[in-house]
Amino acid sequence: MGYASGAKDAELARKLLPESNDEDLLMMGPRLHTLEGVVHVKPIKIDIDIRQRHFYGEFLWENSHEASEHLKLFGIHPEPVCWTQIGYASGYTSEIMGRFIAYREVECKAKGDRHCRIIGKPIEDWDDVDEERRHYRPDPMAEQLLALQDVSQPLA
């Protein structure tokens, strides 16, 4: 859901900001997330060239709604929890760049870190590409449940 939402917002940003520079186009996604009350994004490092399809980005997330809700409902977690936001960032940036950009949450407030921090780069630049791709594959569970539902319907 997050990835699809980010990609849709990137399509809209391209239409609304046809003359913007690369960094302004990229930062529209975080601005939208801030306006929606999802998270406040602060760039740490951005290296972007859309024509060359080059990207590296590092960002701080302040007031992450996903981390706050997790802490409130479940407490501290051993791993990062902001999966919808990570999906959004990946979808938005991938759509802008015309190539798959994967983000990782390397610090998370729900883990007890001071803040959430993410890093994004082309998926093939991560050390464990297969593991990274696994997070973005559709889960066949929904299809399996629908198939079982068809099988379990009583005959009239």
C-alpha atoms as a PDB file:
ATOM      1  CA  MET A   1       0.000   0.000   0.000  1.00  0.00           C
ATOM      2  CA  GLY A   2       2.725   2.449   0.900  1.00  0.00           C
ATOM      3  CA  TYR A   3       4.645   1.806  -2.318  1.00  0.00           C
ATOM      4  CA  ALA A   4       1.546   2.267  -4.499  1.00  0.00           C
ATOM      5  CA  SER A   5       0.577   5.438  -2.639  1.00  0.00           C
ATOM      6  CA  GLY A   6       4.056   6.903  -3.096  1.00  0.00           C
ATOM      7  CA  ALA A   7       4.127   6.059  -6.804  1.00  0.00           C
ATOM      8  CA  LYS A   8       0.709   7.719  -7.315  1.00  0.00           C
ATOM      9  CA  ASP A   9       1.841  10.858  -5.496  1.00  0.00           C
ATOM     10  CA  ALA A  10       4.976  10.978  -7.672  1.00  0.00           C
ATOM     11  CA  GLU A  11       2.838  10.837 -10.819  1.00  0.00           C
ATOM     12  CA  LEU A  12       0.777  13.743  -9.474  1.00  0.00           C
ATOM     13  CA  ALA A  13       3.903  15.707  -8.506  1.00  0.00           C
ATOM     14  CA  ARG A  14       5.302  15.342 -12.036  1.00  0.00           C
ATOM     15  CA  LYS A  15       2.068  16.784 -13.464  1.00  0.00           C
ATOM     16  CA  LEU A  16       1.866  19.639 -10.964  1.00  0.00           C
ATOM     17  CA  LEU A  17       5.576  20.552 -11.040  1.00  0.00           C
ATOM     18  CA  PRO A  18       6.704  19.985 -14.643  1.00  0.00           C
ATOM     19  CA  GLU A  19       9.437  22.653 -14.472  1.00  0.00           C
ATOM     20  CA  SER A  20      10.861  21.842 -11.027  1.00  0.00           C
ATOM     21  CA  ASN A  21      14.447  20.792 -10.462  1.00  0.00           C
ATOM     22  CA  ASP A  22      15.285  17.240  -9.386  1.00  0.00           C
ATOM     23  CA  GLU A  23      15.559  17.931  -5.661  1.00  0.00           C
ATOM     24  CA  ASP A  24      12.336  19.956  -5.501  1.00  0.00           C
ATOM     25  CA  LEU A  25      10.462  17.198  -7.324  1.00  0.00           C
ATOM     26  CA  LEU A  26      11.881  14.615  -4.917  1.00  0.00           C
ATOM     27  CA  MET A  27      11.050  16.670  -1.831  1.00  0.00           C
ATOM     28  CA  MET A  28       7.392  17.046  -2.816  1.00  0.00           C
ATOM     29  CA  GLY A  29       6.815  13.494  -1.515  1.00  0.00           C
ATOM     30  CA  PRO A  30       8.076  14.297   1.980  1.00  0.00           C
ATOM     31  CA  ARG A  31       6.110  17.572   1.925  1.00  0.00           C
ATOM     32  CA  LEU A  32       2.925  15.641   1.135  1.00  0.00           C
ATOM     33  CA  HIS A  33       3.660  13.182   3.935  1.00  0.00           C
ATOM     34  CA  THR A  34       4.149  16.091   6.334  1.00  0.00           C
ATOM     35  CA  LEU A  35       0.888  17.754   5.256  1.00  0.00           C
ATOM     36  CA  GLU A  36      -0.938  14.446   5.701  1.00  0.00           C
ATOM     37  CA  GLY A  37       0.387  14.186   9.274  1.00  0.00           C
ATOM     38  CA  VAL A  38       2.282  10.967   8.562  1.00  0.00           C
ATOM     39  CA  VAL A  39       5.814  12.115   9.342  1.00  0.00           C
ATOM     40  CA  HIS A  40       7.991  15.227   9.199  1.00  0.00           C
ATOM     41  CA  VAL A  41      10.967  14.592   6.906  1.00  0.00           C
ATOM     42  CA  LYS A  42      14.333  16.334   7.239  1.00  0.00           C
ATOM     43  CA  PRO A  43      16.906  15.680   4.520  1.00  0.00           C
ATOM     44  CA  ILE A  44      20.407  14.777   5.707  1.00  0.00           C
ATOM     45  CA  LYS A  45      22.001  14.051   2.324  1.00  0.00           C
ATOM     46  CA  ILE A  46      20.503  14.062  -1.167  1.00  0.00           C
ATOM     47  CA  ASP A  47      22.468  13.145  -4.285  1.00  0.00           C
ATOM     48  CA  ILE A  48      20.040  13.061  -7.205  1.00  0.00           C
ATOM     49  CA  ASP A  49      20.312  13.280 -10.980  1.00  0.00           C
ATOM     50  CA  ILE A  50      17.122  12.062 -12.637  1.00  0.00           C
ATOM     51  CA  ARG A  51      18.535  12.158 -16.185  1.00  0.00           C
ATOM     52  CA  GLN A  52      21.513  10.023 -15.138  1.00  0.00           C
ATOM     53  CA  ARG A  53      19.204   7.855 -12.967  1.00  0.00           C
ATOM     54  CA  HIS A  54      21.555   8.401 -10.008  1.00  0.00           C
ATOM     55  CA  PHE A  55      20.182   8.578  -6.475  1.00  0.00           C
ATOM     56  CA  TYR A  56      21.273   8.401  -2.859  1.00  0.00           C
ATOM     57  CA  GLY A  57      19.221   9.883  -0.048  1.00  0.00           C
ATOM     58  CA  GLU A  58      19.375   9.957   3.708  1.00  0.00           C
ATOM     59  CA  PHE A  59      16.583  11.466   5.790  1.00  0.00           C
ATOM     60  CA  LEU A  60      15.480  11.904   9.401  1.00  0.00           C
ATOM     61  CA  TRP A  61      11.863  11.211  10.209  1.00  0.00           C
ATOM     62  CA  GLU A  62      10.431  13.221  13.071  1.00  0.00           C
ATOM     63  CA  ASN A  63       7.048  12.506  14.644  1.00  0.00           C
ATOM     64  CA  SER A  64       6.549   9.277  12.711  1.00  0.00           C
ATOM     65  CA  HIS A  65       2.892   8.352  13.105  1.00  0.00           C
ATOM     66  CA  GLU A  66       3.702   4.694  12.439  1.00  0.00           C
ATOM     67  CA  ALA A  67       6.413   4.547  15.130  1.00  0.00           C
ATOM     68  CA  SER A  68       4.264   6.453  17.631  1.00  0.00           C
ATOM     69  CA  GLU A  69       1.286   4.151  17.138  1.00  0.00           C
ATOM     70  CA  HIS A  70       3.473   1.081  17.458  1.00  0.00           C
ATOM     71  CA  LEU A  71       4.983   2.350  20.700  1.00  0.00           C
ATOM     72  CA  LYS A  72       1.556   3.193  22.084  1.00  0.00           C
ATOM     73  CA  LEU A  73       0.038  -0.183  21.176  1.00  0.00           C
ATOM     74  CA  PHE A  74       2.968  -2.594  21.525  1.00  0.00           C
ATOM     75  CA  GLY A  75       5.930  -0.827  23.122  1.00  0.00           C
ATOM     76  CA  ILE A  76       9.553  -1.141  22.012  1.00  0.00           C
ATOM     77  CA  HIS A  77      10.219  -3.492  19.106  1.00  0.00           C
ATOM     78  CA  PRO A  78      13.570  -5.096  18.178  1.00  0.00           C
ATOM     79  CA  GLU A  79      13.324  -4.019  14.503  1.00  0.00           C
ATOM     80  CA  PRO A  80      12.179  -0.908  12.610  1.00  0.00           C
ATOM     81  CA  VAL A  81       8.384  -0.730  12.204  1.00  0.00           C
ATOM     82  CA  CYS A  82       7.664   2.075   9.722  1.00  0.00           C
ATOM     83  CA  TRP A  83       6.922  -0.236   6.786  1.00  0.00           C
ATOM     84  CA  THR A  84       4.144   1.808   5.182  1.00  0.00           C
ATOM     85  CA  GLN A  85       6.309   4.930   5.242  1.00  0.00           C
ATOM     86  CA  ILE A  86       9.290   2.999   3.830  1.00  0.00           C
ATOM     87  CA  GLY A  87       7.034   1.694   1.071  1.00  0.00           C
ATOM     88  CA  TYR A  88       5.828   5.220   0.312  1.00  0.00           C
ATOM     89  CA  ALA A  89       9.380   6.586   0.095  1.00  0.00           C
ATOM     90  CA  SER A  90      10.436   3.709  -2.175  1.00  0.00           C
ATOM     91  CA  GLY A  91       7.391   4.049  -4.426  1.00  0.00           C
ATOM     92  CA  TYR A  92       7.666   7.818  -4.685  1.00  0.00           C
ATOM     93  CA  THR A  93      11.393   7.869  -5.395  1.00  0.00           C
ATOM     94  CA  SER A  94      11.268   4.884  -7.768  1.00  0.00           C
ATOM     95  CA  GLU A  95       8.571   6.593  -9.836  1.00  0.00           C
ATOM     96  CA  ILE A  96      10.540   9.860  -9.916  1.00  0.00           C
ATOM     97  CA  MET A  97      13.809   8.132 -10.825  1.00  0.00           C
ATOM     98  CA  GLY A  98      12.423   5.612 -13.334  1.00  0.00           C
ATOM     99  CA  ARG A  99      14.216   2.782 -11.511  1.00  0.00           C
ATOM    100  CA  PHE A 100      13.707   0.805  -8.330  1.00  0.00           C
ATOM    101  CA  ILE A 101      14.963   2.757  -5.320  1.00  0.00           C
ATOM    102  CA  ALA A 102      14.772   0.850  -2.026  1.00  0.00           C
ATOM    103  CA  TYR A 103      14.835   2.522   1.363  1.00  0.00           C
ATOM    104  CA  ARG A 104      15.799   1.025   4.685  1.00  0.00           C
ATOM    105  CA  GLU A 105      14.972   2.350   8.083  1.00  0.00           C
ATOM    106  CA  VAL A 106      18.344   2.190   9.825  1.00  0.00           C
ATOM    107  CA  GLU A 107      17.128   3.799  13.058  1.00  0.00           C
ATOM    108  CA  CYS A 108      13.594   3.705  14.436  1.00  0.00           C
ATOM    109  CA  LYS A 109      12.016   5.425  17.389  1.00  0.00           C
ATOM    110  CA  ALA A 110       9.910   2.297  17.980  1.00  0.00           C
ATOM    111  CA  LYS A 111      13.202   0.407  18.528  1.00  0.00           C
ATOM    112  CA  GLY A 112      14.189   2.908  21.180  1.00  0.00           C
ATOM    113  CA  ASP A 113      16.350   5.023  18.872  1.00  0.00           C
ATOM    114  CA  ARG A 114      16.255   8.800  19.291  1.00  0.00           C
ATOM    115  CA  HIS A 115      14.544   9.218  15.923  1.00  0.00           C
ATOM    116  CA  CYS A 116      13.789   7.356  12.717  1.00  0.00           C
ATOM    117  CA  ARG A 117      16.412   7.593   9.960  1.00  0.00           C
ATOM    118  CA  ILE A 118      16.161   6.153   6.462  1.00  0.00           C
ATOM    119  CA  ILE A 119      18.585   5.582   3.603  1.00  0.00           C
ATOM    120  CA  GLY A 120      17.513   5.145  -0.007  1.00  0.00           C
ATOM    121  CA  LYS A 121      19.506   3.973  -3.011  1.00  0.00           C
ATOM    122  CA  PRO A 122      19.045   1.765  -6.081  1.00  0.00           C
ATOM    123  CA  ILE A 123      18.088  -1.714  -4.973  1.00  0.00           C
ATOM    124  CA  GLU A 124      21.098  -3.287  -6.668  1.00  0.00           C
ATOM    125  CA  ASP A 125      23.403  -1.109  -4.503  1.00  0.00           C
ATOM    126  CA  TRP A 126      22.282  -2.859  -1.300  1.00  0.00           C
ATOM    127  CA  ASP A 127      24.507  -5.729  -0.117  1.00  0.00           C
ATOM    128  CA  ASP A 128      21.680  -8.253   0.145  1.00  0.00           C
ATOM    129  CA  VAL A 129      19.597  -7.504  -2.956  1.00  0.00           C
ATOM    130  CA  ASP A 130      17.517 -10.690  -2.755  1.00  0.00           C
ATOM    131  CA  GLU A 131      16.470  -9.968   0.813  1.00  0.00           C
ATOM    132  CA  GLU A 132      15.616  -6.397  -0.152  1.00  0.00           C
ATOM    133  CA  ARG A 133      13.513  -7.524  -3.135  1.00  0.00           C
ATOM    134  CA  ARG A 134      11.619  -9.939  -0.893  1.00  0.00           C
ATOM    135  CA  HIS A 135      10.032  -7.005   0.937  1.00  0.00           C
ATOM    136  CA  TYR A 136       8.485  -5.714  -2.280  1.00  0.00           C
ATOM    137  CA  ARG A 137       7.058  -8.950  -3.705  1.00  0.00           C
ATOM    138  CA  PRO A 138       3.287  -9.353  -3.511  1.00  0.00           C
ATOM    139  CA  ASP A 139       2.188 -11.723  -0.789  1.00  0.00           C
ATOM    140  CA  PRO A 140       0.369 -14.673  -2.394  1.00  0.00           C
ATOM    141  CA  MET A 141      -1.691 -15.128   0.794  1.00  0.00           C
ATOM    142  CA  ALA A 142      -4.567 -12.956  -0.486  1.00  0.00           C
ATOM    143  CA  GLU A 143      -4.828 -14.992  -3.686  1.00  0.00           C
ATOM    144  CA  GLN A 144      -4.745 -18.230  -1.683  1.00  0.00           C
ATOM    145  CA  LEU A 145      -7.528 -17.020   0.609  1.00  0.00           C
ATOM    146  CA  LEU A 146      -9.698 -16.038  -2.351  1.00  0.00           C
ATOM    147  CA  ALA A 147      -9.148 -19.441  -3.948  1.00  0.00           C
ATOM    148  CA  LEU A 148     -10.110 -21.174  -0.686  1.00  0.00           C
ATOM    149  CA  GLN A 149     -13.204 -19.010  -0.402  1.00  0.00           C
ATOM    150  CA  ASP A 150     -14.350 -20.161  -3.860  1.00  0.00           C
ATOM    151  CA  VAL A 151     -13.753 -23.795  -2.904  1.00  0.00           C
ATOM    152  CA  SER A 152     -15.542 -23.530   0.444  1.00  0.00           C
ATOM    153  CA  GLN A 153     -18.762 -21.933  -0.903  1.00  0.00           C
ATOM    154  CA  PRO A 154     -21.722 -24.257  -0.296  1.00  0.00           C
ATOM    155  CA  LEU A 155     -23.433 -25.532  -3.409  1.00  0.00           C
ATOM    156  CA  ALA A 156     -26.965 -24.248  -3.913  1.00  0.00           C
END
